[in-house]
Amino acid sequence: MANRTALYETHIALGAKVIDFGGWDMPVDYPTHILQEHHATRQNAGLFDTGHMGEVVVEGPGALESLQRGLSRDLSGMEDGQGRYTLLCNERGTVIDDLIVFKQADAKYYIVTNAGTRLNDIDVIKSRLTNANLRDLTPETHKLDLQGPKTFDILAQLCSAPLSKLKRFRMMDTVVAGVPAIVSRSGYTGEKNGVELFFPKSEAVNVWSAIMEAGKSFGVLPCGLGARDTLRLECCLPLYGHELSEDITPLEAGLNWALTLEKDFVGAAALRQQATNGIPRTLIALKFAGRLPARAGHPIFAGDEKIGEVTSGTFGPSVNSAIALALVKTGSAPVGVTVQAEVRTSRIDATVVEKPFYKAAK
């Protein structure tokens, strides 16, 4: 049987369509459907159950030194409560997982992992620790994401802390709906307003219900994986297993900013070599004239030459167009040119555009 979050019965009661997602029974959408959930998040607020994701703490005198060696990003100089997006790479420089690491205190780091990769992540990170230990908090922790312009209006009904003043990629300890919680602001929808809440799993139903009740007058909707995907893809945010994998390097995925190649982390030598020799593939953004999207795995052609394939594709409700990300031979598809995606037995035109497709209003 697949894993289930503490809110599984709540999703069923709401009429959610549930699918298997990396070994988890997760809601893909509710009777409101993906379009309405997407627009609610862009215009008001959307509440996402992300209780399937992993949370671990690495702590001890050697925590920072170990993570500096084990992860791609420079974590030195972080303030307490500050977070950074980083990558867990192998020796080949390809990606085992993408993570967010928050510094909670000196020698103590809170790490958020993807769901399907969590157990392997733990094994890999443990193997790279010296004079530090790892605690898996996932069994006792639940996570919710509240995203959209009305996020802080809703939380003001449930929390006295000035959450709207929380900076991007920061976390704080507070109380939400009477429950001790960590609130962070990293987001996976591209919205300026939005938070992630971490709290005891036993309180999942109570916190979910309190947010839904407080958000009624602000237009909050429960949102599933379908809207999560359309929202992140419009903002060109990578999804592990699509834009990132053990077959794709961060340089190919355009995540140079998540690498500190001046330090010696696992995979750095291979990535420095790739940067010197030339990056063979590039992640591009494609916009289609119609509503029919290309999907992951569909080939991309420039004339008669196959130059790559789609990594993610969907209809983007906020941009009113089918959109996709594709990994193609470097230099084969500059911005402004037209390429073709092979969908079923037909080839449909797509224009290479600048990333992202959508930016939230300031």
Protein backbone atom coordinates (compact mmCIF):
# COMPACT_ATOMS: atom_id res chain seq x y z
CA MET A 1 0.00 0.00 0.00
CA ALA A 2 1.21 3.50 -0.79
CA ASN A 3 2.19 5.95 1.92
CA ARG A 4 -0.44 8.45 3.03
CA THR A 5 -0.14 11.79 4.77
CA ALA A 6 -2.05 12.57 7.95
CA LEU A 7 -4.60 14.43 5.79
CA TYR A 8 -5.53 11.54 3.49
CA GLU A 9 -9.02 11.12 4.96
CA THR A 10 -9.55 14.89 4.79
CA HIS A 11 -8.75 14.88 1.08
CA ILE A 12 -11.14 11.97 0.48
CA ALA A 13 -13.91 13.80 2.37
CA LEU A 14 -13.33 16.85 0.16
CA GLY A 15 -13.80 14.73 -2.96
CA ALA A 16 -10.18 14.84 -4.10
CA LYS A 17 -8.96 12.76 -7.00
CA VAL A 18 -6.06 10.78 -5.51
CA ILE A 19 -3.14 9.39 -7.50
CA ASP A 20 0.11 7.61 -6.73
CA PHE A 21 2.94 10.14 -6.57
CA GLY A 22 6.33 8.64 -5.85
CA GLY A 23 4.80 5.99 -3.63
CA TRP A 24 2.36 8.36 -1.92
CA ASP A 25 -1.42 8.61 -2.30
CA MET A 26 -1.76 12.33 -3.00
CA PRO A 27 -4.60 14.60 -4.21
CA VAL A 28 -4.10 15.71 -7.80
CA ASP A 29 -7.11 18.04 -7.62
CA TYR A 30 -10.45 18.58 -5.90
CA PRO A 31 -13.93 19.09 -7.41
CA THR A 32 -12.89 22.73 -7.98
CA HIS A 33 -10.41 21.35 -10.58
CA ILE A 34 -6.87 22.41 -11.48
CA LEU A 35 -7.74 25.67 -13.28
CA GLN A 36 -9.69 27.10 -10.35
CA GLU A 37 -7.05 25.96 -7.86
CA HIS A 38 -4.32 27.54 -9.95
CA HIS A 39 -6.15 30.86 -10.26
CA ALA A 40 -7.05 30.85 -6.55
CA THR A 41 -3.35 30.65 -5.73
CA ARG A 42 -2.45 33.43 -8.14
CA GLN A 43 -5.31 35.72 -7.06
CA ASN A 44 -6.12 34.75 -3.46
CA ALA A 45 -4.56 31.74 -1.75
CA GLY A 46 -4.09 28.01 -2.17
CA LEU A 47 -3.43 25.47 0.58
CA PHE A 48 -1.28 22.45 -0.34
CA ASP A 49 -0.68 19.30 1.66
CA THR A 50 3.08 18.67 1.37
CA GLY A 51 3.20 16.24 4.25
CA HIS A 52 4.94 13.71 2.03
CA MET A 53 8.17 15.72 1.95
CA GLY A 54 11.11 15.01 4.23
CA GLU A 55 12.61 16.97 7.11
CA VAL A 56 15.93 16.16 8.75
CA VAL A 57 18.28 17.93 11.14
CA VAL A 58 22.06 17.74 10.88
CA GLU A 59 23.83 18.91 14.02
CA GLY A 60 27.13 18.67 15.83
CA PRO A 61 30.51 20.41 15.81
CA GLY A 62 31.28 19.17 12.30
CA ALA A 63 27.85 19.96 10.80
CA LEU A 64 28.86 22.97 8.70
CA GLU A 65 32.11 21.46 7.48
CA SER A 66 30.31 18.24 6.54
CA LEU A 67 27.54 20.04 4.65
CA GLN A 68 30.07 22.26 2.89
CA ARG A 69 31.73 19.11 1.60
CA GLY A 70 28.49 17.25 0.97
CA LEU A 71 26.31 19.90 -0.73
CA SER A 72 26.80 22.21 -3.71
CA ARG A 73 26.15 25.62 -2.19
CA ASP A 74 28.32 27.68 0.15
CA LEU A 75 26.50 27.63 3.49
CA SER A 76 29.01 29.73 5.41
CA GLY A 77 28.01 33.13 6.72
CA MET A 78 24.32 32.25 7.09
CA GLU A 79 22.37 33.91 9.87
CA ASP A 80 20.22 31.87 12.25
CA GLY A 81 16.93 31.26 10.44
CA GLN A 82 18.39 31.82 6.99
CA GLY A 83 18.00 29.20 4.26
CA ARG A 84 19.60 28.37 0.94
CA TYR A 85 18.57 26.20 -1.97
CA THR A 86 21.28 23.65 -2.70
CA LEU A 87 21.95 20.36 -4.47
CA LEU A 88 23.02 16.93 -3.34
CA CYS A 89 25.26 15.69 -6.15
CA ASN A 90 27.14 12.48 -6.88
CA GLU A 91 30.77 12.25 -8.00
CA ARG A 92 29.66 12.64 -11.65
CA GLY A 93 28.14 16.00 -10.85
CA THR A 94 24.58 14.91 -11.54
CA VAL A 95 21.82 15.44 -8.99
CA ILE A 96 20.67 13.03 -6.29
CA ASP A 97 18.18 15.61 -4.97
CA ASP A 98 17.58 19.32 -4.56
CA LEU A 99 17.24 20.55 -0.99
CA ILE A 100 16.60 23.63 1.11
CA VAL A 101 18.95 24.00 4.07
CA PHE A 102 18.10 26.36 6.94
CA LYS A 103 20.56 27.28 9.66
CA GLN A 104 18.69 26.97 12.96
CA ALA A 105 21.68 27.69 15.19
CA ASP A 106 25.42 27.26 15.21
CA ALA A 107 26.13 23.65 14.26
CA LYS A 108 22.43 22.89 13.62
CA TYR A 109 20.83 22.76 10.14
CA TYR A 110 17.24 21.93 9.14
CA ILE A 111 17.00 20.30 5.71
CA VAL A 112 13.90 19.81 3.56
CA THR A 113 14.07 16.94 1.05
CA ASN A 114 11.86 15.60 -1.68
CA ALA A 115 9.57 12.69 -0.78
CA GLY A 116 10.68 9.88 -3.06
CA THR A 117 14.38 10.57 -2.53
CA ARG A 118 14.30 11.07 1.25
CA LEU A 119 15.63 7.71 2.42
CA ASN A 120 18.45 7.70 -0.11
CA ASP A 121 19.22 11.34 0.72
CA ILE A 122 19.57 10.38 4.37
CA ASP A 123 21.97 7.55 3.58
CA VAL A 124 24.08 9.77 1.31
CA ILE A 125 24.18 12.72 3.71
CA LYS A 126 25.04 10.43 6.65
CA SER A 127 27.94 8.99 4.65
CA ARG A 128 29.33 12.52 4.25
CA LEU A 129 29.10 13.55 7.91
CA THR A 130 32.13 13.87 10.19
CA ASN A 131 31.66 14.79 13.84
CA ALA A 132 27.95 15.42 13.24
CA ASN A 133 24.74 13.39 13.26
CA LEU A 134 21.46 13.33 11.37
CA ARG A 135 17.97 13.03 12.85
CA ASP A 136 15.03 12.21 10.59
CA LEU A 137 12.10 14.36 11.76
CA THR A 138 9.74 13.24 8.97
CA PRO A 139 7.78 10.62 10.98
CA GLU A 140 6.73 13.25 13.52
CA THR A 141 6.42 16.31 11.24
CA HIS A 142 3.73 17.56 8.90
CA LYS A 143 4.17 20.26 6.29
CA LEU A 144 1.62 22.53 4.63
CA ASP A 145 2.21 25.21 1.99
CA LEU A 146 -0.04 28.28 1.94
CA GLN A 147 0.64 30.34 -1.18
CA GLY A 148 -0.82 33.44 -2.81
CA PRO A 149 -1.47 37.17 -2.30
CA LYS A 150 -3.84 36.66 0.66
CA THR A 151 -1.50 34.34 2.59
CA PHE A 152 -0.60 36.82 5.32
CA ASP A 153 -4.16 38.13 5.65
CA ILE A 154 -5.24 34.58 6.45
CA LEU A 155 -2.40 33.81 8.84
CA ALA A 156 -2.98 37.08 10.71
CA GLN A 157 -6.20 35.47 11.96
CA LEU A 158 -4.24 32.55 13.40
CA CYS A 159 -0.83 33.89 14.41
CA SER A 160 0.31 36.98 16.28
CA ALA A 161 3.85 36.95 14.84
CA PRO A 162 4.59 39.46 12.04
CA LEU A 163 4.89 36.76 9.38
CA SER A 164 4.53 39.24 6.51
CA LYS A 165 7.91 40.70 7.54
CA LEU A 166 9.61 37.32 7.17
CA LYS A 167 12.22 37.66 4.42
CA ARG A 168 12.57 35.29 1.49
CA PHE A 169 14.42 32.11 2.41
CA ARG A 170 14.06 32.67 6.15
CA MET A 171 12.31 30.65 8.85
CA MET A 172 11.02 31.43 12.32
CA ASP A 173 9.54 29.58 15.30
CA THR A 174 6.03 30.70 16.18
CA VAL A 175 2.54 29.43 17.02
CA VAL A 176 -0.13 28.98 14.32
CA ALA A 177 -3.73 28.12 15.29
CA GLY A 178 -2.47 27.36 18.79
CA VAL A 179 0.12 24.87 17.50
CA PRO A 180 3.91 25.37 17.81
CA ALA A 181 5.24 25.63 14.27
CA ILE A 182 8.17 26.60 12.11
CA VAL A 183 7.18 28.97 9.30
CA SER A 184 9.46 29.45 6.31
CA ARG A 185 9.19 31.54 3.16
CA SER A 186 10.75 29.80 0.18
CA GLY A 187 7.76 28.93 -2.00
CA TYR A 188 7.25 26.72 -5.04
CA THR A 189 4.62 28.71 -6.94
CA GLY A 190 6.48 31.90 -7.87
CA GLU A 191 4.14 34.01 -5.75
CA LYS A 192 5.62 36.84 -3.68
CA ASN A 193 3.47 35.89 -0.71
CA GLY A 194 3.49 32.34 0.57
CA VAL A 195 4.83 30.22 3.41
CA GLU A 196 5.57 26.68 4.43
CA LEU A 197 4.45 25.47 7.85
CA PHE A 198 6.12 22.62 9.78
CA PHE A 199 4.41 21.32 12.91
CA PRO A 200 3.60 18.08 14.77
CA LYS A 201 1.92 15.51 12.57
CA SER A 202 -0.71 14.92 15.23
CA GLU A 203 -1.99 18.46 14.62
CA ALA A 204 -2.31 18.20 10.83
CA VAL A 205 -6.11 18.07 10.67
CA ASN A 206 -6.47 20.90 13.19
CA VAL A 207 -4.06 23.24 11.41
CA TRP A 208 -5.50 22.45 7.95
CA SER A 209 -9.05 23.06 9.20
CA ALA A 210 -8.10 26.31 10.95
CA ILE A 211 -6.44 27.70 7.81
CA MET A 212 -9.36 26.71 5.59
CA GLU A 213 -11.84 28.33 8.01
CA ALA A 214 -9.78 31.52 8.42
CA GLY A 215 -9.30 31.70 4.65
CA LYS A 216 -12.97 31.38 3.65
CA SER A 217 -13.54 35.10 3.29
CA PHE A 218 -10.22 35.46 1.43
CA GLY A 219 -11.03 32.88 -1.24
CA VAL A 220 -8.64 30.11 -0.18
CA LEU A 221 -8.97 26.76 -1.93
CA PRO A 222 -7.39 23.39 -1.21
CA CYS A 223 -4.99 22.62 -4.04
CA GLY A 224 -3.53 19.40 -5.35
CA LEU A 225 -0.52 18.26 -7.32
CA GLY A 226 -2.06 19.40 -10.61
CA ALA A 227 -2.10 23.09 -9.66
CA ARG A 228 1.26 22.72 -7.93
CA ASP A 229 2.71 21.60 -11.26
CA THR A 230 1.13 24.32 -13.41
CA LEU A 231 2.18 26.99 -10.91
CA ARG A 232 5.81 25.87 -10.62
CA LEU A 233 6.20 25.29 -14.36
CA GLU A 234 4.96 28.78 -15.23
CA CYS A 235 7.80 30.04 -13.04
CA CYS A 236 10.31 27.53 -14.49
CA LEU A 237 11.01 25.97 -11.10
CA PRO A 238 12.60 22.52 -11.45
CA LEU A 239 10.93 19.27 -10.45
CA TYR A 240 13.21 16.45 -9.39
CA GLY A 241 12.94 13.56 -11.83
CA HIS A 242 12.20 15.98 -14.68
CA GLU A 243 14.56 18.99 -14.85
CA LEU A 244 16.94 17.41 -12.33
CA SER A 245 18.07 13.80 -12.03
CA GLU A 246 21.12 11.58 -11.85
CA ASP A 247 21.32 11.98 -15.64
CA ILE A 248 21.26 15.80 -15.63
CA THR A 249 23.84 18.20 -14.19
CA PRO A 250 22.93 21.50 -12.51
CA LEU A 251 24.84 23.33 -15.26
CA GLU A 252 22.60 21.77 -17.89
CA ALA A 253 19.54 22.69 -15.80
CA GLY A 254 20.69 26.33 -15.60
CA LEU A 255 21.26 26.19 -11.84
CA ASN A 256 24.75 27.69 -11.88
CA TRP A 257 23.69 30.00 -9.04
CA ALA A 258 23.13 26.95 -6.78
CA LEU A 259 26.76 25.88 -7.19
CA THR A 260 29.86 27.18 -5.45
CA LEU A 261 32.47 25.66 -7.74
CA GLU A 262 35.29 27.34 -5.81
CA LYS A 263 34.78 24.90 -2.94
CA ASP A 264 35.43 21.16 -3.00
CA PHE A 265 32.09 19.44 -2.64
CA VAL A 266 31.17 16.01 -3.97
CA GLY A 267 30.72 16.44 -7.73
CA ALA A 268 32.54 19.79 -7.97
CA ALA A 269 35.47 18.41 -9.98
CA ALA A 270 33.16 16.91 -12.60
CA LEU A 271 31.15 20.12 -12.81
CA ARG A 272 34.25 22.27 -13.16
CA GLN A 273 35.37 19.97 -15.97
CA GLN A 274 31.99 20.28 -17.70
CA ALA A 275 32.07 24.08 -17.38
CA THR A 276 35.55 24.09 -18.97
CA ASN A 277 34.78 21.64 -21.76
CA GLY A 278 31.39 23.12 -22.62
CA ILE A 279 27.93 22.28 -21.31
CA PRO A 280 26.41 19.81 -23.79
CA ARG A 281 22.72 20.48 -23.10
CA THR A 282 20.66 23.51 -22.13
CA LEU A 283 17.23 23.81 -20.52
CA ILE A 284 14.97 26.00 -22.67
CA ALA A 285 11.45 27.38 -22.29
CA LEU A 286 8.88 26.74 -25.02
CA LYS A 287 5.58 28.48 -25.64
CA PHE A 288 3.03 26.94 -28.00
CA ALA A 289 0.43 28.73 -30.11
CA GLY A 290 -2.42 26.45 -29.00
CA ARG A 291 -3.58 24.78 -25.82
CA LEU A 292 -2.19 21.31 -26.63
CA PRO A 293 0.92 20.76 -24.47
CA ALA A 294 3.90 18.58 -25.15
CA ARG A 295 4.68 16.25 -22.26
CA ALA A 296 7.83 14.89 -20.64
CA GLY A 297 9.74 12.69 -23.06
CA HIS A 298 8.32 14.16 -26.26
CA PRO A 299 11.12 14.81 -28.78
CA ILE A 300 12.10 18.31 -29.88
CA PHE A 301 13.21 18.97 -33.47
CA ALA A 302 14.93 21.83 -35.26
CA GLY A 303 14.04 21.04 -38.85
CA ASP A 304 14.82 17.36 -39.35
CA GLU A 305 17.31 17.17 -36.50
CA LYS A 306 16.23 15.87 -33.11
CA ILE A 307 17.87 18.25 -30.66
CA GLY A 308 16.45 17.06 -27.33
CA GLU A 309 13.26 16.31 -25.45
CA VAL A 310 10.67 17.85 -23.18
CA THR A 311 11.28 17.55 -19.44
CA SER A 312 7.92 19.03 -18.30
CA GLY A 313 4.90 20.34 -20.18
CA THR A 314 1.42 21.57 -19.36
CA PHE A 315 -1.15 24.27 -20.08
CA GLY A 316 -0.23 27.46 -18.23
CA PRO A 317 -3.47 29.08 -17.02
CA SER A 318 -1.85 32.41 -16.08
CA VAL A 319 -0.19 32.78 -19.49
CA ASN A 320 -3.12 31.19 -21.39
CA SER A 321 -0.83 28.98 -23.43
CA ALA A 322 0.65 25.52 -23.56
CA ILE A 323 4.19 25.70 -22.16
CA ALA A 324 7.11 23.35 -21.67
CA LEU A 325 10.69 23.06 -20.52
CA ALA A 326 13.03 21.03 -22.72
CA LEU A 327 16.61 19.86 -22.49
CA VAL A 328 18.26 20.37 -25.88
CA LYS A 329 21.70 20.42 -27.49
CA THR A 330 23.42 23.64 -26.47
CA GLY A 331 23.21 26.33 -29.15
CA SER A 332 20.54 24.52 -31.14
CA ALA A 333 17.53 26.62 -30.05
CA PRO A 334 18.24 30.25 -29.07
CA VAL A 335 15.47 32.52 -27.79
CA GLY A 336 13.15 33.64 -30.58
CA VAL A 337 13.47 30.64 -32.89
CA THR A 338 10.71 28.16 -33.68
CA VAL A 339 11.20 24.47 -32.99
CA GLN A 340 8.82 21.53 -33.18
CA ALA A 341 7.64 19.12 -30.54
CA GLU A 342 6.51 15.70 -31.67
CA VAL A 343 3.19 15.00 -29.95
CA ARG A 344 1.72 11.62 -30.80
CA THR A 345 2.27 11.47 -34.58
CA SER A 346 2.25 15.21 -35.28
CA ARG A 347 4.82 17.97 -34.88
CA ILE A 348 3.61 21.24 -33.38
CA ASP A 349 5.43 24.54 -33.45
CA ALA A 350 6.80 26.16 -30.33
CA THR A 351 8.71 29.40 -29.83
CA VAL A 352 11.76 29.47 -27.58
CA VAL A 353 11.14 32.22 -24.99
CA GLU A 354 12.94 33.77 -22.04
CA LYS A 355 12.43 32.11 -18.64
CA PRO A 356 10.21 32.35 -16.65
CA PHE A 357 6.84 32.34 -18.39
CA TYR A 358 5.21 34.14 -15.44
CA LYS A 359 6.35 36.62 -12.80
CA ALA A 360 4.20 37.64 -9.85
CA ALA A 361 3.35 41.32 -9.62
CA LYS A 362 5.34 43.24 -7.02
